[in-house]
C-alpha atoms as a PDB file:
ATOM      1  CA  MET A   1      -0.022  -0.022  -0.021  1.00  0.00           C
ATOM      2  CA  LYS A   2       1.372   3.415  -0.931  1.00  0.00           C
ATOM      3  CA  ASP A   3       2.146   6.007   1.737  1.00  0.00           C
ATOM      4  CA  ASN A   4       0.227   9.243   1.216  1.00  0.00           C
ATOM      5  CA  ASN A   5       3.061  11.389   2.600  1.00  0.00           C
ATOM      6  CA  PRO A   6       5.482  12.445  -0.153  1.00  0.00           C
ATOM      7  CA  LEU A   7       8.772  10.676  -0.297  1.00  0.00           C
ATOM      8  CA  ILE A   8      10.128  13.527  -2.380  1.00  0.00           C
ATOM      9  CA  LYS A   9       8.697  17.041  -2.419  1.00  0.00           C
ATOM     10  CA  VAL A  10      10.059  19.539  -4.921  1.00  0.00           C
ATOM     11  CA  ASP A  11       9.140  23.138  -4.036  1.00  0.00           C
ATOM     12  CA  HIS A  12       9.502  26.019  -6.561  1.00  0.00           C
ATOM     13  CA  LEU A  13      12.683  24.537  -8.050  1.00  0.00           C
ATOM     14  CA  VAL A  14      14.786  26.733 -10.335  1.00  0.00           C
ATOM     15  CA  LYS A  15      17.978  25.664 -12.187  1.00  0.00           C
ATOM     16  CA  GLN A  16      19.715  28.266 -14.244  1.00  0.00           C
ATOM     17  CA  PHE A  17      22.655  27.789 -16.664  1.00  0.00           C
ATOM     18  CA  GLY A  18      23.954  31.296 -17.465  1.00  0.00           C
ATOM     19  CA  ASN A  19      20.923  33.249 -18.680  1.00  0.00           C
ATOM     20  CA  THR A  20      18.891  30.146 -19.432  1.00  0.00           C
ATOM     21  CA  LYS A  21      16.454  28.668 -16.937  1.00  0.00           C
ATOM     22  CA  ALA A  22      16.527  24.940 -17.527  1.00  0.00           C
ATOM     23  CA  LEU A  23      13.916  24.605 -14.744  1.00  0.00           C
ATOM     24  CA  ASN A  24      11.580  27.454 -13.910  1.00  0.00           C
ATOM     25  CA  ASP A  25       9.480  27.278 -10.715  1.00  0.00           C
ATOM     26  CA  VAL A  26       8.950  23.477 -10.768  1.00  0.00           C
ATOM     27  CA  SER A  27       6.924  21.915  -7.955  1.00  0.00           C
ATOM     28  CA  ALA A  28       6.005  18.247  -7.610  1.00  0.00           C
ATOM     29  CA  GLU A  29       5.417  15.423  -5.147  1.00  0.00           C
ATOM     30  CA  ILE A  30       6.449  11.805  -5.448  1.00  0.00           C
ATOM     31  CA  ARG A  31       5.015   9.209  -3.012  1.00  0.00           C
ATOM     32  CA  HIS A  32       6.373   5.877  -1.690  1.00  0.00           C
ATOM     33  CA  GLY A  33       6.033   3.079  -4.250  1.00  0.00           C
ATOM     34  CA  GLU A  34       4.862   5.294  -7.128  1.00  0.00           C
ATOM     35  CA  VAL A  35       5.979   4.856 -10.690  1.00  0.00           C
ATOM     36  CA  VAL A  36       6.437   8.408 -11.971  1.00  0.00           C
ATOM     37  CA  VAL A  37       7.329   9.066 -15.591  1.00  0.00           C
ATOM     38  CA  VAL A  38       8.714  12.344 -16.888  1.00  0.00           C
ATOM     39  CA  VAL A  39       8.106  13.139 -20.556  1.00  0.00           C
ATOM     40  CA  GLY A  40       8.598  16.141 -22.795  1.00  0.00           C
ATOM     41  CA  PRO A  41      10.447  17.394 -25.863  1.00  0.00           C
ATOM     42  CA  SER A  42      14.278  17.245 -26.147  1.00  0.00           C
ATOM     43  CA  GLY A  43      15.817  20.056 -24.091  1.00  0.00           C
ATOM     44  CA  SER A  44      12.723  20.610 -21.984  1.00  0.00           C
ATOM     45  CA  GLY A  45      14.537  20.064 -18.645  1.00  0.00           C
ATOM     46  CA  LYS A  46      13.762  16.400 -17.967  1.00  0.00           C
ATOM     47  CA  SER A  47      17.299  15.263 -17.169  1.00  0.00           C
ATOM     48  CA  THR A  48      18.066  18.415 -15.209  1.00  0.00           C
ATOM     49  CA  PHE A  49      14.958  17.747 -13.091  1.00  0.00           C
ATOM     50  CA  LEU A  50      16.071  14.176 -12.285  1.00  0.00           C
ATOM     51  CA  ARG A  51      19.696  15.249 -11.614  1.00  0.00           C
ATOM     52  CA  CYS A  52      18.528  17.817  -9.132  1.00  0.00           C
ATOM     53  CA  LEU A  53      16.674  15.136  -7.100  1.00  0.00           C
ATOM     54  CA  ASN A  54      20.032  13.923  -5.669  1.00  0.00           C
ATOM     55  CA  LEU A  55      21.890  17.179  -6.179  1.00  0.00           C
ATOM     56  CA  LEU A  56      24.010  16.000  -9.101  1.00  0.00           C
ATOM     57  CA  GLU A  57      22.890  19.446 -10.316  1.00  0.00           C
ATOM     58  CA  GLU A  58      22.803  22.167  -7.627  1.00  0.00           C
ATOM     59  CA  PRO A  59      19.441  24.027  -7.767  1.00  0.00           C
ATOM     60  CA  THR A  60      19.689  27.830  -8.268  1.00  0.00           C
ATOM     61  CA  ASP A  61      16.622  28.319  -6.109  1.00  0.00           C
ATOM     62  CA  GLY A  62      13.839  26.356  -4.406  1.00  0.00           C
ATOM     63  CA  GLN A  63      13.928  23.357  -2.097  1.00  0.00           C
ATOM     64  CA  ILE A  64      13.878  19.551  -2.374  1.00  0.00           C
ATOM     65  CA  PHE A  65      12.682  17.523   0.568  1.00  0.00           C
ATOM     66  CA  PHE A  66      13.554  13.774   0.803  1.00  0.00           C
ATOM     67  CA  GLU A  67      11.809  11.911   3.559  1.00  0.00           C
ATOM     68  CA  GLY A  68      11.036  15.302   5.144  1.00  0.00           C
ATOM     69  CA  THR A  69      14.665  16.460   5.093  1.00  0.00           C
ATOM     70  CA  ASP A  70      15.629  19.534   2.989  1.00  0.00           C
ATOM     71  CA  ILE A  71      18.498  18.143   0.965  1.00  0.00           C
ATOM     72  CA  THR A  72      19.236  21.614  -0.488  1.00  0.00           C
ATOM     73  CA  ASP A  73      20.266  22.773   2.998  1.00  0.00           C
ATOM     74  CA  PRO A  74      24.120  22.900   3.050  1.00  0.00           C
ATOM     75  CA  LYS A  75      24.036  21.261   6.504  1.00  0.00           C
ATOM     76  CA  THR A  76      22.436  18.097   5.096  1.00  0.00           C
ATOM     77  CA  ASN A  77      24.763  15.177   4.354  1.00  0.00           C
ATOM     78  CA  ILE A  78      23.726  14.507   0.722  1.00  0.00           C
ATOM     79  CA  ASN A  79      25.782  11.342   0.518  1.00  0.00           C
ATOM     80  CA  THR A  80      23.555   9.720   3.168  1.00  0.00           C
ATOM     81  CA  HIS A  81      20.509  10.351   0.956  1.00  0.00           C
ATOM     82  CA  ARG A  82      22.244   9.436  -2.293  1.00  0.00           C
ATOM     83  CA  GLN A  83      22.873   5.968  -0.894  1.00  0.00           C
ATOM     84  CA  LYS A  84      19.110   5.468  -0.897  1.00  0.00           C
ATOM     85  CA  MET A  85      18.838   6.368  -4.540  1.00  0.00           C
ATOM     86  CA  GLY A  86      19.889   4.191  -7.514  1.00  0.00           C
ATOM     87  CA  MET A  87      20.370   6.095 -10.773  1.00  0.00           C
ATOM     88  CA  VAL A  88      20.787   4.647 -14.231  1.00  0.00           C
ATOM     89  CA  PHE A  89      22.199   7.107 -16.759  1.00  0.00           C
ATOM     90  CA  GLN A  90      22.167   7.138 -20.562  1.00  0.00           C
ATOM     91  CA  GLN A  91      25.960   6.600 -20.221  1.00  0.00           C
ATOM     92  CA  PHE A  92      26.873   3.173 -18.927  1.00  0.00           C
ATOM     93  CA  ASN A  93      29.684   4.190 -16.557  1.00  0.00           C
ATOM     94  CA  LEU A  94      31.101   0.625 -16.353  1.00  0.00           C
ATOM     95  CA  PHE A  95      34.761   0.162 -15.333  1.00  0.00           C
ATOM     96  CA  PRO A  96      36.435  -1.111 -18.552  1.00  0.00           C
ATOM     97  CA  HIS A  97      39.218  -3.031 -16.730  1.00  0.00           C
ATOM     98  CA  MET A  98      36.736  -5.050 -14.662  1.00  0.00           C
ATOM     99  CA  THR A  99      34.599  -8.019 -15.623  1.00  0.00           C
ATOM    100  CA  ILE A 100      30.829  -7.625 -15.657  1.00  0.00           C
ATOM    101  CA  MET A 101      30.586  -9.611 -12.392  1.00  0.00           C
ATOM    102  CA  ASP A 102      33.234  -7.417 -10.708  1.00  0.00           C
ATOM    103  CA  ASN A 103      31.407  -4.282 -11.935  1.00  0.00           C
ATOM    104  CA  LEU A 104      28.198  -5.590 -10.390  1.00  0.00           C
ATOM    105  CA  ILE A 105      29.463  -6.622  -6.980  1.00  0.00           C
ATOM    106  CA  LEU A 106      31.647  -3.536  -6.359  1.00  0.00           C
ATOM    107  CA  ALA A 107      28.949  -1.427  -4.677  1.00  0.00           C
ATOM    108  CA  PRO A 108      27.283  -4.221  -2.688  1.00  0.00           C
ATOM    109  CA  THR A 109      30.626  -5.306  -1.215  1.00  0.00           C
ATOM    110  CA  LYS A 110      32.076  -1.850  -0.618  1.00  0.00           C
ATOM    111  CA  ILE A 111      28.969   0.158   0.334  1.00  0.00           C
ATOM    112  CA  LEU A 112      26.444  -2.412   1.582  1.00  0.00           C
ATOM    113  CA  LYS A 113      29.196  -4.618   3.130  1.00  0.00           C
ATOM    114  CA  LYS A 114      27.821  -7.786   1.587  1.00  0.00           C
ATOM    115  CA  SER A 115      30.092 -10.818   1.381  1.00  0.00           C
ATOM    116  CA  PRO A 116      31.492 -11.449  -2.114  1.00  0.00           C
ATOM    117  CA  ASP A 117      29.627 -14.807  -2.266  1.00  0.00           C
ATOM    118  CA  GLU A 118      26.295 -13.214  -1.291  1.00  0.00           C
ATOM    119  CA  ALA A 119      26.787 -10.341  -3.801  1.00  0.00           C
ATOM    120  CA  LYS A 120      27.724 -12.733  -6.601  1.00  0.00           C
ATOM    121  CA  LYS A 121      24.670 -14.927  -5.952  1.00  0.00           C
ATOM    122  CA  TYR A 122      22.311 -11.957  -6.195  1.00  0.00           C
ATOM    123  CA  ALA A 123      24.206 -10.531  -9.153  1.00  0.00           C
ATOM    124  CA  MET A 124      23.857 -13.792 -11.070  1.00  0.00           C
ATOM    125  CA  GLU A 125      20.137 -13.831 -10.352  1.00  0.00           C
ATOM    126  CA  LEU A 126      19.782 -10.350 -11.865  1.00  0.00           C
ATOM    127  CA  LEU A 127      21.946 -11.217 -14.857  1.00  0.00           C
ATOM    128  CA  GLU A 128      19.584 -14.122 -15.525  1.00  0.00           C
ATOM    129  CA  LYS A 129      16.616 -11.717 -15.273  1.00  0.00           C
ATOM    130  CA  VAL A 130      18.119  -9.387 -17.843  1.00  0.00           C
ATOM    131  CA  GLY A 131      19.237 -12.275 -20.116  1.00  0.00           C
ATOM    132  CA  LEU A 132      22.980 -11.862 -19.634  1.00  0.00           C
ATOM    133  CA  ALA A 133      24.006 -14.666 -17.305  1.00  0.00           C
ATOM    134  CA  ASP A 134      26.481 -15.970 -19.854  1.00  0.00           C
ATOM    135  CA  ARG A 135      28.361 -12.642 -19.924  1.00  0.00           C
ATOM    136  CA  ALA A 136      29.389 -12.533 -16.246  1.00  0.00           C
ATOM    137  CA  ASP A 137      33.059 -12.999 -17.079  1.00  0.00           C
ATOM    138  CA  SER A 138      33.081 -10.663 -20.100  1.00  0.00           C
ATOM    139  CA  TYR A 139      34.496  -7.163 -20.190  1.00  0.00           C
ATOM    140  CA  PRO A 140      32.444  -4.118 -21.093  1.00  0.00           C
ATOM    141  CA  ASN A 141      34.140  -3.667 -24.476  1.00  0.00           C
ATOM    142  CA  GLN A 142      32.918  -7.139 -25.443  1.00  0.00           C
ATOM    143  CA  LEU A 143      29.237  -6.073 -25.010  1.00  0.00           C
ATOM    144  CA  SER A 144      26.867  -4.179 -27.289  1.00  0.00           C
ATOM    145  CA  GLY A 145      25.309  -0.863 -26.235  1.00  0.00           C
ATOM    146  CA  GLY A 146      22.041  -2.559 -25.346  1.00  0.00           C
ATOM    147  CA  GLN A 147      23.876  -5.243 -23.325  1.00  0.00           C
ATOM    148  CA  LYS A 148      25.850  -2.545 -21.425  1.00  0.00           C
ATOM    149  CA  GLN A 149      22.614  -0.763 -20.655  1.00  0.00           C
ATOM    150  CA  ARG A 150      21.136  -3.947 -19.183  1.00  0.00           C
ATOM    151  CA  ILE A 151      24.287  -4.395 -17.035  1.00  0.00           C
ATOM    152  CA  SER A 152      23.930  -0.784 -15.833  1.00  0.00           C
ATOM    153  CA  ILE A 153      20.325  -1.435 -14.801  1.00  0.00           C
ATOM    154  CA  ALA A 154      21.272  -4.710 -13.080  1.00  0.00           C
ATOM    155  CA  ARG A 155      24.093  -2.896 -11.164  1.00  0.00           C
ATOM    156  CA  THR A 156      21.692  -0.217  -9.940  1.00  0.00           C
ATOM    157  CA  LEU A 157      19.154  -2.859  -8.788  1.00  0.00           C
ATOM    158  CA  LEU A 158      21.898  -4.536  -6.746  1.00  0.00           C
ATOM    159  CA  LYS A 159      22.075  -1.477  -4.497  1.00  0.00           C
ATOM    160  CA  LYS A 160      18.540  -2.251  -3.226  1.00  0.00           C
ATOM    161  CA  SER A 161      17.734   1.422  -3.189  1.00  0.00           C
ATOM    162  CA  LYS A 162      14.510   3.026  -1.949  1.00  0.00           C
ATOM    163  CA  ILE A 163      14.302   4.972  -5.158  1.00  0.00           C
ATOM    164  CA  LEU A 164      15.298   4.045  -8.656  1.00  0.00           C
ATOM    165  CA  ILE A 165      15.864   6.862 -11.148  1.00  0.00           C
ATOM    166  CA  PHE A 166      16.138   6.046 -14.856  1.00  0.00           C
ATOM    167  CA  ASP A 167      17.441   8.857 -17.031  1.00  0.00           C
ATOM    168  CA  ASP A 168      16.203   7.666 -20.438  1.00  0.00           C
ATOM    169  CA  SER A 169      18.162   4.504 -19.676  1.00  0.00           C
ATOM    170  CA  THR A 170      16.133   2.026 -21.758  1.00  0.00           C
ATOM    171  CA  SER A 171      16.633   3.968 -25.038  1.00  0.00           C
ATOM    172  CA  ALA A 172      19.410   1.525 -26.161  1.00  0.00           C
ATOM    173  CA  LEU A 173      17.098  -1.506 -25.656  1.00  0.00           C
ATOM    174  CA  ASP A 174      14.923  -3.229 -28.235  1.00  0.00           C
ATOM    175  CA  THR A 175      11.193  -3.425 -27.540  1.00  0.00           C
ATOM    176  CA  GLY A 176      11.239  -6.988 -26.230  1.00  0.00           C
ATOM    177  CA  THR A 177      14.147  -6.433 -23.834  1.00  0.00           C
ATOM    178  CA  GLU A 178      12.545  -3.198 -22.606  1.00  0.00           C
ATOM    179  CA  ALA A 179       9.350  -5.068 -21.850  1.00  0.00           C
ATOM    180  CA  LYS A 180      11.330  -7.703 -19.933  1.00  0.00           C
ATOM    181  CA  ILE A 181      13.051  -5.028 -17.846  1.00  0.00           C
ATOM    182  CA  GLN A 182       9.702  -3.288 -17.206  1.00  0.00           C
ATOM    183  CA  SER A 183       8.277  -6.671 -16.017  1.00  0.00           C
ATOM    184  CA  VAL A 184      11.135  -7.225 -13.611  1.00  0.00           C
ATOM    185  CA  LEU A 185      10.740  -3.731 -12.183  1.00  0.00           C
ATOM    186  CA  LYS A 186       6.967  -4.147 -11.803  1.00  0.00           C
ATOM    187  CA  ASN A 187       6.965  -7.612 -10.265  1.00  0.00           C
ATOM    188  CA  LYS A 188      10.166  -7.825  -8.229  1.00  0.00           C
ATOM    189  CA  TYR A 189      10.538  -4.182  -7.124  1.00  0.00           C
ATOM    190  CA  LYS A 190       6.903  -3.164  -6.676  1.00  0.00           C
ATOM    191  CA  ASP A 191       7.598  -1.402  -3.327  1.00  0.00           C
ATOM    192  CA  VAL A 192      10.442   0.654  -4.773  1.00  0.00           C
ATOM    193  CA  THR A 193       9.664   4.182  -5.962  1.00  0.00           C
ATOM    194  CA  LYS A 194      10.645   4.589  -9.584  1.00  0.00           C
ATOM    195  CA  ILE A 195      11.194   7.839 -11.481  1.00  0.00           C
ATOM    196  CA  ILE A 196      11.663   7.391 -15.235  1.00  0.00           C
ATOM    197  CA  ILE A 197      12.451   9.652 -18.142  1.00  0.00           C
ATOM    198  CA  ALA A 198      10.842   7.991 -21.136  1.00  0.00           C
ATOM    199  CA  GLN A 199      10.861   8.871 -24.822  1.00  0.00           C
ATOM    200  CA  LYS A 200       8.212   6.340 -25.771  1.00  0.00           C
ATOM    201  CA  ILE A 201       4.937   7.031 -24.001  1.00  0.00           C
ATOM    202  CA  THR A 202       3.520   3.632 -25.100  1.00  0.00           C
ATOM    203  CA  SER A 203       6.031   1.806 -22.834  1.00  0.00           C
ATOM    204  CA  VAL A 204       4.972   3.719 -19.704  1.00  0.00           C
ATOM    205  CA  MET A 205       1.230   4.354 -20.110  1.00  0.00           C
ATOM    206  CA  ASN A 206       0.351   2.336 -17.040  1.00  0.00           C
ATOM    207  CA  SER A 207       2.536   4.354 -14.621  1.00  0.00           C
ATOM    208  CA  ASP A 208       0.906   5.976 -11.561  1.00  0.00           C
ATOM    209  CA  LYS A 209       1.699   9.520 -12.677  1.00  0.00           C
ATOM    210  CA  ILE A 210       3.149  11.154 -15.754  1.00  0.00           C
ATOM    211  CA  ILE A 211       4.747  14.613 -15.553  1.00  0.00           C
ATOM    212  CA  LEU A 212       4.951  16.609 -18.773  1.00  0.00           C
ATOM    213  CA  ILE A 213       7.771  19.154 -18.808  1.00  0.00           C
ATOM    214  CA  HIS A 214       8.099  21.801 -21.543  1.00  0.00           C
ATOM    215  CA  GLY A 215      10.381  24.774 -21.538  1.00  0.00           C
ATOM    216  CA  GLY A 216      11.553  24.052 -17.939  1.00  0.00           C
ATOM    217  CA  LYS A 217       7.982  24.071 -16.578  1.00  0.00           C
ATOM    218  CA  ILE A 218       5.565  21.347 -15.658  1.00  0.00           C
ATOM    219  CA  ILE A 219       2.607  21.885 -17.997  1.00  0.00           C
ATOM    220  CA  GLY A 220       0.717  18.650 -17.297  1.00  0.00           C
ATOM    221  CA  GLU A 221       0.528  16.037 -14.581  1.00  0.00           C
ATOM    222  CA  GLY A 222      -1.660  12.955 -14.084  1.00  0.00           C
ATOM    223  CA  THR A 223      -2.399   9.524 -15.478  1.00  0.00           C
ATOM    224  CA  HIS A 224      -2.136   8.776 -19.211  1.00  0.00           C
ATOM    225  CA  ASP A 225      -5.961   8.827 -19.527  1.00  0.00           C
ATOM    226  CA  TYR A 226      -6.220  12.142 -17.655  1.00  0.00           C
ATOM    227  CA  LEU A 227      -3.548  13.841 -19.760  1.00  0.00           C
ATOM    228  CA  MET A 228      -5.081  12.475 -22.996  1.00  0.00           C
ATOM    229  CA  ALA A 229      -8.312  14.140 -21.997  1.00  0.00           C
ATOM    230  CA  ASN A 230      -6.937  17.351 -20.552  1.00  0.00           C
ATOM    231  CA  SER A 231      -3.523  18.167 -22.131  1.00  0.00           C
ATOM    232  CA  LYS A 232      -3.357  19.135 -25.811  1.00  0.00           C
ATOM    233  CA  GLU A 233       0.458  19.027 -25.700  1.00  0.00           C
ATOM    234  CA  TYR A 234       0.547  15.489 -24.295  1.00  0.00           C
ATOM    235  CA  ARG A 235      -2.009  14.253 -26.744  1.00  0.00           C
ATOM    236  CA  GLU A 236      -0.035  15.631 -29.659  1.00  0.00           C
ATOM    237  CA  ILE A 237       3.155  13.926 -28.437  1.00  0.00           C
ATOM    238  CA  TYR A 238       1.338  10.565 -28.018  1.00  0.00           C
ATOM    239  CA  GLU A 239      -0.494  10.748 -31.349  1.00  0.00           C
ATOM    240  CA  SER A 240       2.777  11.676 -33.134  1.00  0.00           C
ATOM    241  CA  GLN A 241       4.541   8.621 -31.599  1.00  0.00           C
ATOM    242  CA  ILE A 242       1.678   6.297 -32.613  1.00  0.00           C
ATOM    243  CA  ARG A 243       1.910   7.612 -36.198  1.00  0.00           C
ATOM    244  CA  GLU A 244       5.690   6.993 -36.216  1.00  0.00           C
ATOM    245  CA  GLU A 245       5.214   3.451 -34.924  1.00  0.00           C
ATOM    246  CA  ASP A 246       2.542   2.753 -37.504  1.00  0.00           C
ATOM    247  CA  GLU A 247       4.855   4.046 -40.311  1.00  0.00           C
ATOM    248  CA  LEU A 248       7.762   1.931 -39.001  1.00  0.00           C
ATOM    249  CA  ASN A 249       5.545  -1.179 -38.872  1.00  0.00           C
ATOM    250  CA  GLY A 250       4.017  -0.461 -42.321  1.00  0.00           C
ATOM    251  CA  ARG A 251       0.527   0.062 -41.007  1.00  0.00           C
END
């Protein structure tokens, strides 16, 4: 059952780069266990919004509360909160000199203090779930882009974080693999809060909440059905993607 108190509360967030406001007075609430999807045109501020949630980008103004603590307060130990968040980037950030298994067990053994055997057992289970159990002893340069992305996702899941943040991190996956990852997230990590930047609305239509960002502002928020009925901008993005998919599939 989802907690009604917000896990994350974003209050009048502003992020400015030079004279450009990448985020302009953004406020949002994310609750325990929710699947929240962020959509919008390229350059709209989606990634900046996610990166502000654990202060990888320092907000220019506004506040972000995580479990009731203002993480924008300089006195807050942000690393304590970052350990509760797992983030998968568009870049894979795998150590090239280490095998896939060694990449996976590094955080569980160093940060979570798991034994190597325990970490390897769980890592192998995750590799099986993402279809890469046979690549445990391979090195990153022996994998395709899509395979590296699956490893990055598995590595983040190994941290057993309260929050999983995906910065457009399924873009390198084919449709079938993306569906498999979505199934693992839904069934095995149902109590974990997930915040996802998605390019394809069709892959995230069943999320609890969709946030539409345009020009650094939130211009729509709600379920897919609500936004289809109430947001012209969202409806246009969705219908454009459906047309593109139909054209690709020769329909």
